[in-house]
PDB file of N, CA and C in Angstrom:
ATOM      1  N   MET A   1      -4.266  12.142  -6.811  1.00  0.00           N
ATOM      2  CA  MET A   1      -4.226  11.255  -5.616  1.00  0.00           C
ATOM      3  C   MET A   1      -4.819  10.130  -5.908  1.00  0.00           C
ATOM      4  N   ILE A   2      -4.270   8.934  -5.492  1.00  0.00           N
ATOM      5  CA  ILE A   2      -4.854   7.611  -5.637  1.00  0.00           C
ATOM      6  C   ILE A   2      -5.086   7.004  -4.302  1.00  0.00           C
ATOM      7  N   GLY A   3      -6.192   6.350  -3.897  1.00  0.00           N
ATOM      8  CA  GLY A   3      -6.230   5.591  -2.678  1.00  0.00           C
ATOM      9  C   GLY A   3      -6.545   4.044  -2.966  1.00  0.00           C
ATOM     10  N   VAL A   4      -5.709   3.246  -2.287  1.00  0.00           N
ATOM     11  CA  VAL A   4      -5.981   1.818  -2.295  1.00  0.00           C
ATOM     12  C   VAL A   4      -6.292   1.304  -0.855  1.00  0.00           C
ATOM     13  N   GLU A   5      -7.618   0.962  -0.764  1.00  0.00           N
ATOM     14  CA  GLU A   5      -8.120   0.507   0.678  1.00  0.00           C
ATOM     15  C   GLU A   5      -7.719  -0.970   0.809  1.00  0.00           C
ATOM     16  N   LEU A   6      -6.965  -1.317   2.025  1.00  0.00           N
ATOM     17  CA  LEU A   6      -6.799  -2.656   2.379  1.00  0.00           C
ATOM     18  C   LEU A   6      -7.782  -3.176   3.300  1.00  0.00           C
ATOM     19  N   VAL A   7      -8.221  -4.365   3.009  1.00  0.00           N
ATOM     20  CA  VAL A   7      -9.334  -5.006   3.839  1.00  0.00           C
ATOM     21  C   VAL A   7      -8.806  -6.440   4.172  1.00  0.00           C
ATOM     22  N   ARG A   8      -9.180  -6.844   5.450  1.00  0.00           N
ATOM     23  CA  ARG A   8      -9.011  -8.193   5.753  1.00  0.00           C
ATOM     24  C   ARG A   8     -10.025  -9.054   5.154  1.00  0.00           C
ATOM     25  N   TYR A   9      -9.619  -9.907   4.124  1.00  0.00           N
ATOM     26  CA  TYR A   9     -10.654 -10.540   3.329  1.00  0.00           C
ATOM     27  C   TYR A   9     -11.483 -11.486   4.201  1.00  0.00           C
ATOM     28  N   SER A  10     -11.047 -12.228   5.020  1.00  0.00           N
ATOM     29  CA  SER A  10     -11.802 -13.115   5.834  1.00  0.00           C
ATOM     30  C   SER A  10     -12.988 -12.599   6.569  1.00  0.00           C
ATOM     31  N   ARG A  11     -12.620 -11.347   7.222  1.00  0.00           N
ATOM     32  CA  ARG A  11     -13.624 -10.783   7.971  1.00  0.00           C
ATOM     33  C   ARG A  11     -14.197  -9.424   7.424  1.00  0.00           C
ATOM     34  N   LYS A  12     -13.774  -8.965   6.256  1.00  0.00           N
ATOM     35  CA  LYS A  12     -14.284  -7.798   5.617  1.00  0.00           C
ATOM     36  C   LYS A  12     -14.093  -6.531   6.519  1.00  0.00           C
ATOM     37  N   THR A  13     -13.006  -6.470   7.179  1.00  0.00           N
ATOM     38  CA  THR A  13     -12.712  -5.369   8.069  1.00  0.00           C
ATOM     39  C   THR A  13     -11.634  -4.547   7.703  1.00  0.00           C
ATOM     40  N   PRO A  14     -11.407  -3.259   8.109  1.00  0.00           N
ATOM     41  CA  PRO A  14     -10.263  -2.493   7.587  1.00  0.00           C
ATOM     42  C   PRO A  14      -9.082  -3.085   8.047  1.00  0.00           C
ATOM     43  N   ALA A  15      -7.903  -3.072   7.155  1.00  0.00           N
ATOM     44  CA  ALA A  15      -6.635  -3.699   7.501  1.00  0.00           C
ATOM     45  C   ALA A  15      -5.645  -2.647   7.814  1.00  0.00           C
ATOM     46  N   SER A  16      -5.932  -1.974   9.017  1.00  0.00           N
ATOM     47  CA  SER A  16      -5.073  -0.789   9.522  1.00  0.00           C
ATOM     48  C   SER A  16      -3.534  -1.245   9.719  1.00  0.00           C
ATOM     49  N   GLU A  17      -3.495  -2.266  10.489  1.00  0.00           N
ATOM     50  CA  GLU A  17      -2.085  -2.670  10.749  1.00  0.00           C
ATOM     51  C   GLU A  17      -1.272  -3.049   9.623  1.00  0.00           C
ATOM     52  N   GLU A  18      -1.915  -3.732   8.597  1.00  0.00           N
ATOM     53  CA  GLU A  18      -1.357  -4.167   7.280  1.00  0.00           C
ATOM     54  C   GLU A  18      -0.938  -2.997   6.555  1.00  0.00           C
ATOM     55  N   ALA A  19      -1.783  -1.939   6.575  1.00  0.00           N
ATOM     56  CA  ALA A  19      -1.530  -0.662   5.815  1.00  0.00           C
ATOM     57  C   ALA A  19      -0.178  -0.051   6.428  1.00  0.00           C
ATOM     58  N   LYS A  20      -0.087  -0.041   7.600  1.00  0.00           N
ATOM     59  CA  LYS A  20       1.221   0.406   8.198  1.00  0.00           C
ATOM     60  C   LYS A  20       2.452  -0.419   7.817  1.00  0.00           C
ATOM     61  N   GLN A  21       2.265  -1.656   7.843  1.00  0.00           N
ATOM     62  CA  GLN A  21       3.467  -2.472   7.380  1.00  0.00           C
ATOM     63  C   GLN A  21       3.784  -2.263   5.876  1.00  0.00           C
ATOM     64  N   VAL A  22       2.691  -2.142   5.093  1.00  0.00           N
ATOM     65  CA  VAL A  22       2.984  -1.946   3.587  1.00  0.00           C
ATOM     66  C   VAL A  22       3.687  -0.637   3.485  1.00  0.00           C
ATOM     67  N   LYS A  23       3.303   0.429   4.162  1.00  0.00           N
ATOM     68  CA  LYS A  23       4.024   1.731   4.142  1.00  0.00           C
ATOM     69  C   LYS A  23       5.490   1.661   4.464  1.00  0.00           C
ATOM     70  N   LEU A  24       5.725   0.820   5.539  1.00  0.00           N
ATOM     71  CA  LEU A  24       7.118   0.692   6.032  1.00  0.00           C
ATOM     72  C   LEU A  24       7.984  -0.036   4.907  1.00  0.00           C
ATOM     73  N   LEU A  25       7.416  -1.143   4.383  1.00  0.00           N
ATOM     74  CA  LEU A  25       8.190  -1.825   3.482  1.00  0.00           C
ATOM     75  C   LEU A  25       8.375  -1.142   2.206  1.00  0.00           C
ATOM     76  N   ALA A  26       7.338  -0.345   1.743  1.00  0.00           N
ATOM     77  CA  ALA A  26       7.561   0.580   0.491  1.00  0.00           C
ATOM     78  C   ALA A  26       8.707   1.511   0.704  1.00  0.00           C
ATOM     79  N   ARG A  27       8.728   2.064   2.077  1.00  0.00           N
ATOM     80  CA  ARG A  27       9.752   3.130   2.280  1.00  0.00           C
ATOM     81  C   ARG A  27      11.067   2.507   2.096  1.00  0.00           C
ATOM     82  N   LYS A  28      11.241   1.182   2.678  1.00  0.00           N
ATOM     83  CA  LYS A  28      12.569   0.510   2.668  1.00  0.00           C
ATOM     84  C   LYS A  28      13.088   0.413   1.242  1.00  0.00           C
ATOM     85  N   ILE A  29      11.952   0.248   0.171  1.00  0.00           N
ATOM     86  CA  ILE A  29      12.420   0.072  -1.227  1.00  0.00           C
ATOM     87  C   ILE A  29      12.430   1.405  -1.900  1.00  0.00           C
ATOM     88  N   VAL A  30      12.295   2.483  -1.187  1.00  0.00           N
ATOM     89  CA  VAL A  30      12.330   3.730  -1.631  1.00  0.00           C
ATOM     90  C   VAL A  30      11.120   4.385  -2.295  1.00  0.00           C
ATOM     91  N   VAL A  31      10.103   3.953  -1.869  1.00  0.00           N
ATOM     92  CA  VAL A  31       8.720   4.461  -2.411  1.00  0.00           C
ATOM     93  C   VAL A  31       7.985   5.011  -1.149  1.00  0.00           C
ATOM     94  N   LEU A  32       7.687   6.287  -1.257  1.00  0.00           N
ATOM     95  CA  LEU A  32       6.950   6.878  -0.223  1.00  0.00           C
ATOM     96  C   LEU A  32       5.472   6.933  -0.394  1.00  0.00           C
ATOM     97  N   VAL A  33       4.708   6.394   0.497  1.00  0.00           N
ATOM     98  CA  VAL A  33       3.063   6.431   0.359  1.00  0.00           C
ATOM     99  C   VAL A  33       2.756   6.893   1.734  1.00  0.00           C
ATOM    100  N   GLY A  34       1.428   7.345   1.784  1.00  0.00           N
ATOM    101  CA  GLY A  34       0.844   7.794   2.971  1.00  0.00           C
ATOM    102  C   GLY A  34      -0.173   6.753   3.377  1.00  0.00           C
ATOM    103  N   ILE A  35      -0.768   7.014   4.494  1.00  0.00           N
ATOM    104  CA  ILE A  35      -1.878   6.204   5.103  1.00  0.00           C
ATOM    105  C   ILE A  35      -3.082   7.147   5.452  1.00  0.00           C
ATOM    106  N   GLU A  36      -4.159   6.922   5.029  1.00  0.00           N
ATOM    107  CA  GLU A  36      -5.370   7.824   5.272  1.00  0.00           C
ATOM    108  C   GLU A  36      -6.571   7.000   5.614  1.00  0.00           C
ATOM    109  N   GLY A  37      -7.688   7.709   5.582  1.00  0.00           N
ATOM    110  CA  GLY A  37      -8.983   7.021   5.793  1.00  0.00           C
ATOM    111  C   GLY A  37      -9.423   7.044   7.293  1.00  0.00           C
ATOM    112  N   ILE A  38     -10.514   6.747   7.581  1.00  0.00           N
ATOM    113  CA  ILE A  38     -11.110   6.864   8.923  1.00  0.00           C
ATOM    114  C   ILE A  38     -10.415   5.833   9.726  1.00  0.00           C
ATOM    115  N   TYR A  39     -10.085   4.630   9.042  1.00  0.00           N
ATOM    116  CA  TYR A  39      -9.569   3.513   9.895  1.00  0.00           C
ATOM    117  C   TYR A  39      -8.003   3.252   9.842  1.00  0.00           C
ATOM    118  N   GLY A  40      -7.485   4.292   8.880  1.00  0.00           N
ATOM    119  CA  GLY A  40      -6.170   4.288   8.587  1.00  0.00           C
ATOM    120  C   GLY A  40      -5.754   3.051   7.784  1.00  0.00           C
ATOM    121  N   SER A  41      -6.591   2.573   6.854  1.00  0.00           N
ATOM    122  CA  SER A  41      -6.422   1.527   6.059  1.00  0.00           C
ATOM    123  C   SER A  41      -6.260   1.801   4.516  1.00  0.00           C
ATOM    124  N   VAL A  42      -6.136   2.983   4.252  1.00  0.00           N
ATOM    125  CA  VAL A  42      -6.019   3.393   2.826  1.00  0.00           C
ATOM    126  C   VAL A  42      -4.574   3.856   2.474  1.00  0.00           C
ATOM    127  N   ILE A  43      -4.060   3.213   1.549  1.00  0.00           N
ATOM    128  CA  ILE A  43      -2.617   3.575   1.106  1.00  0.00           C
ATOM    129  C   ILE A  43      -2.900   4.701   0.069  1.00  0.00           C
ATOM    130  N   ARG A  44      -2.276   5.923   0.459  1.00  0.00           N
ATOM    131  CA  ARG A  44      -2.350   6.986  -0.422  1.00  0.00           C
ATOM    132  C   ARG A  44      -1.138   7.221  -1.321  1.00  0.00           C
ATOM    133  N   ILE A  45      -1.371   7.252  -2.609  1.00  0.00           N
ATOM    134  CA  ILE A  45      -0.243   7.447  -3.571  1.00  0.00           C
ATOM    135  C   ILE A  45      -0.487   8.711  -4.246  1.00  0.00           C
ATOM    136  N   GLN A  46       0.501   9.775  -4.157  1.00  0.00           N
ATOM    137  CA  GLN A  46       0.366  10.975  -4.659  1.00  0.00           C
ATOM    138  C   GLN A  46       1.489  11.319  -5.627  1.00  0.00           C
ATOM    139  N   PRO A  47       1.542  10.772  -6.789  1.00  0.00           N
ATOM    140  CA  PRO A  47       2.564  11.043  -7.802  1.00  0.00           C
ATOM    141  C   PRO A  47       2.606  12.432  -8.333  1.00  0.00           C
ATOM    142  N   PRO A  48       3.637  12.976  -8.757  1.00  0.00           N
ATOM    143  CA  PRO A  48       3.652  14.300  -9.525  1.00  0.00           C
ATOM    144  C   PRO A  48       2.888  14.122 -10.894  1.00  0.00           C
ATOM    145  N   LEU A  49       2.429  15.219 -11.431  1.00  0.00           N
ATOM    146  CA  LEU A  49       1.803  15.072 -12.698  1.00  0.00           C
ATOM    147  C   LEU A  49       2.609  14.684 -13.838  1.00  0.00           C
ATOM    148  N   THR A  50       3.953  14.950 -13.593  1.00  0.00           N
ATOM    149  CA  THR A  50       4.960  14.624 -14.651  1.00  0.00           C
ATOM    150  C   THR A  50       5.643  13.405 -14.529  1.00  0.00           C
ATOM    151  N   ILE A  51       5.075  12.309 -13.899  1.00  0.00           N
ATOM    152  CA  ILE A  51       5.647  11.117 -13.499  1.00  0.00           C
ATOM    153  C   ILE A  51       6.035  10.366 -14.772  1.00  0.00           C
ATOM    154  N   SER A  52       7.108   9.660 -14.933  1.00  0.00           N
ATOM    155  CA  SER A  52       7.311   8.976 -16.098  1.00  0.00           C
ATOM    156  C   SER A  52       6.693   7.408 -15.884  1.00  0.00           C
ATOM    157  N   ARG A  53       6.651   6.767 -17.007  1.00  0.00           N
ATOM    158  CA  ARG A  53       6.066   5.540 -17.073  1.00  0.00           C
ATOM    159  C   ARG A  53       6.944   4.547 -16.161  1.00  0.00           C
ATOM    160  N   ASP A  54       8.383   4.800 -16.364  1.00  0.00           N
ATOM    161  CA  ASP A  54       9.297   3.863 -15.705  1.00  0.00           C
ATOM    162  C   ASP A  54       9.184   4.028 -14.247  1.00  0.00           C
ATOM    163  N   HIS A  55       8.926   5.341 -13.685  1.00  0.00           N
ATOM    164  CA  HIS A  55       8.824   5.578 -12.197  1.00  0.00           C
ATOM    165  C   HIS A  55       7.453   5.029 -11.758  1.00  0.00           C
ATOM    166  N   LEU A  56       6.458   5.184 -12.561  1.00  0.00           N
ATOM    167  CA  LEU A  56       5.154   4.600 -12.183  1.00  0.00           C
ATOM    168  C   LEU A  56       5.196   3.156 -11.969  1.00  0.00           C
ATOM    169  N   ASP A  57       6.012   2.542 -12.936  1.00  0.00           N
ATOM    170  CA  ASP A  57       6.180   1.017 -12.860  1.00  0.00           C
ATOM    171  C   ASP A  57       6.849   0.585 -11.564  1.00  0.00           C
ATOM    172  N   ILE A  58       7.842   1.292 -11.208  1.00  0.00           N
ATOM    173  CA  ILE A  58       8.566   1.081  -9.968  1.00  0.00           C
ATOM    174  C   ILE A  58       7.518   1.241  -8.757  1.00  0.00           C
ATOM    175  N   VAL A  59       6.662   2.179  -8.702  1.00  0.00           N
ATOM    176  CA  VAL A  59       5.701   2.409  -7.568  1.00  0.00           C
ATOM    177  C   VAL A  59       4.840   1.124  -7.507  1.00  0.00           C
ATOM    178  N   VAL A  60       4.295   0.894  -8.681  1.00  0.00           N
ATOM    179  CA  VAL A  60       3.311  -0.261  -8.736  1.00  0.00           C
ATOM    180  C   VAL A  60       3.989  -1.619  -8.286  1.00  0.00           C
ATOM    181  N   GLU A  61       5.214  -1.815  -8.938  1.00  0.00           N
ATOM    182  CA  GLU A  61       5.875  -3.221  -8.426  1.00  0.00           C
ATOM    183  C   GLU A  61       6.156  -3.172  -7.055  1.00  0.00           C
ATOM    184  N   THR A  62       6.615  -2.036  -6.488  1.00  0.00           N
ATOM    185  CA  THR A  62       6.984  -1.855  -5.048  1.00  0.00           C
ATOM    186  C   THR A  62       5.773  -2.240  -4.169  1.00  0.00           C
ATOM    187  N   LEU A  63       4.568  -1.659  -4.454  1.00  0.00           N
ATOM    188  CA  LEU A  63       3.302  -1.806  -3.887  1.00  0.00           C
ATOM    189  C   LEU A  63       2.955  -3.254  -3.922  1.00  0.00           C
ATOM    190  N   GLU A  64       3.085  -3.841  -4.979  1.00  0.00           N
ATOM    191  CA  GLU A  64       2.664  -5.397  -5.268  1.00  0.00           C
ATOM    192  C   GLU A  64       3.578  -6.242  -4.293  1.00  0.00           C
ATOM    193  N   LYS A  65       4.856  -5.934  -4.296  1.00  0.00           N
ATOM    194  CA  LYS A  65       5.776  -6.743  -3.481  1.00  0.00           C
ATOM    195  C   LYS A  65       5.409  -6.498  -1.989  1.00  0.00           C
ATOM    196  N   ALA A  66       5.216  -5.289  -1.572  1.00  0.00           N
ATOM    197  CA  ALA A  66       4.946  -4.917  -0.184  1.00  0.00           C
ATOM    198  C   ALA A  66       3.629  -5.660   0.208  1.00  0.00           C
ATOM    199  N   ILE A  67       2.510  -5.563  -0.538  1.00  0.00           N
ATOM    200  CA  ILE A  67       1.350  -6.161  -0.202  1.00  0.00           C
ATOM    201  C   ILE A  67       1.318  -7.560  -0.008  1.00  0.00           C
ATOM    202  N   ALA A  68       2.095  -8.110  -1.009  1.00  0.00           N
ATOM    203  CA  ALA A  68       2.273  -9.518  -1.026  1.00  0.00           C
ATOM    204  C   ALA A  68       3.140 -10.121   0.233  1.00  0.00           C
ATOM    205  N   ARG A  69       4.039  -9.396   0.654  1.00  0.00           N
ATOM    206  CA  ARG A  69       4.851  -9.728   1.702  1.00  0.00           C
ATOM    207  C   ARG A  69       3.934  -9.676   3.051  1.00  0.00           C
ATOM    208  N   VAL A  70       3.171  -8.541   3.079  1.00  0.00           N
ATOM    209  CA  VAL A  70       2.368  -8.385   4.287  1.00  0.00           C
ATOM    210  C   VAL A  70       1.247  -9.347   4.293  1.00  0.00           C
ATOM    211  N   GLU A  71       0.622  -9.681   3.107  1.00  0.00           N
ATOM    212  CA  GLU A  71      -0.404 -10.704   3.077  1.00  0.00           C
ATOM    213  C   GLU A  71       0.266 -12.119   3.626  1.00  0.00           C
ATOM    214  N   ARG A  72       1.311 -12.259   3.088  1.00  0.00           N
ATOM    215  CA  ARG A  72       2.076 -13.556   3.606  1.00  0.00           C
ATOM    216  C   ARG A  72       2.339 -13.643   4.990  1.00  0.00           C
ATOM    217  N   ASP A  73       2.843 -12.466   5.559  1.00  0.00           N
ATOM    218  CA  ASP A  73       3.277 -12.537   6.936  1.00  0.00           C
ATOM    219  C   ASP A  73       2.256 -12.312   8.023  1.00  0.00           C
ATOM    220  N   LEU A  74       1.193 -11.494   7.794  1.00  0.00           N
ATOM    221  CA  LEU A  74       0.138 -11.097   8.531  1.00  0.00           C
ATOM    222  C   LEU A  74      -1.198 -11.749   8.352  1.00  0.00           C
ATOM    223  N   GLY A  75      -1.377 -12.424   7.137  1.00  0.00           N
ATOM    224  CA  GLY A  75      -2.742 -12.893   6.850  1.00  0.00           C
ATOM    225  C   GLY A  75      -3.271 -12.189   5.543  1.00  0.00           C
ATOM    226  N   ALA A  76      -4.382 -12.741   5.136  1.00  0.00           N
ATOM    227  CA  ALA A  76      -5.041 -12.418   3.924  1.00  0.00           C
ATOM    228  C   ALA A  76      -5.535 -10.904   3.915  1.00  0.00           C
ATOM    229  N   VAL A  77      -5.059 -10.203   2.932  1.00  0.00           N
ATOM    230  CA  VAL A  77      -5.574  -8.876   2.760  1.00  0.00           C
ATOM    231  C   VAL A  77      -5.843  -8.638   1.316  1.00  0.00           C
ATOM    232  N   ARG A  78      -7.000  -7.977   1.112  1.00  0.00           N
ATOM    233  CA  ARG A  78      -7.429  -7.774  -0.295  1.00  0.00           C
ATOM    234  C   ARG A  78      -8.032  -6.353  -0.448  1.00  0.00           C
TER     235      ARG A  78
END
């Protein structure tokens, strides 16, 4: 399992709403991720042990696109 915590850069606070949006956008592109953490700001990626490099590239590219779009639409997230 891999976790990526989203934080509002300007205030250094958990980006819970942004994490929800990333999850929804990733699902539209056909990549399923979860949201975890005390504040609901951690994107959880749980690939199978047999994931191929091509599939892994798709997951990473999808998350990059989703995070960039949420950052553009809702404000700075790091």
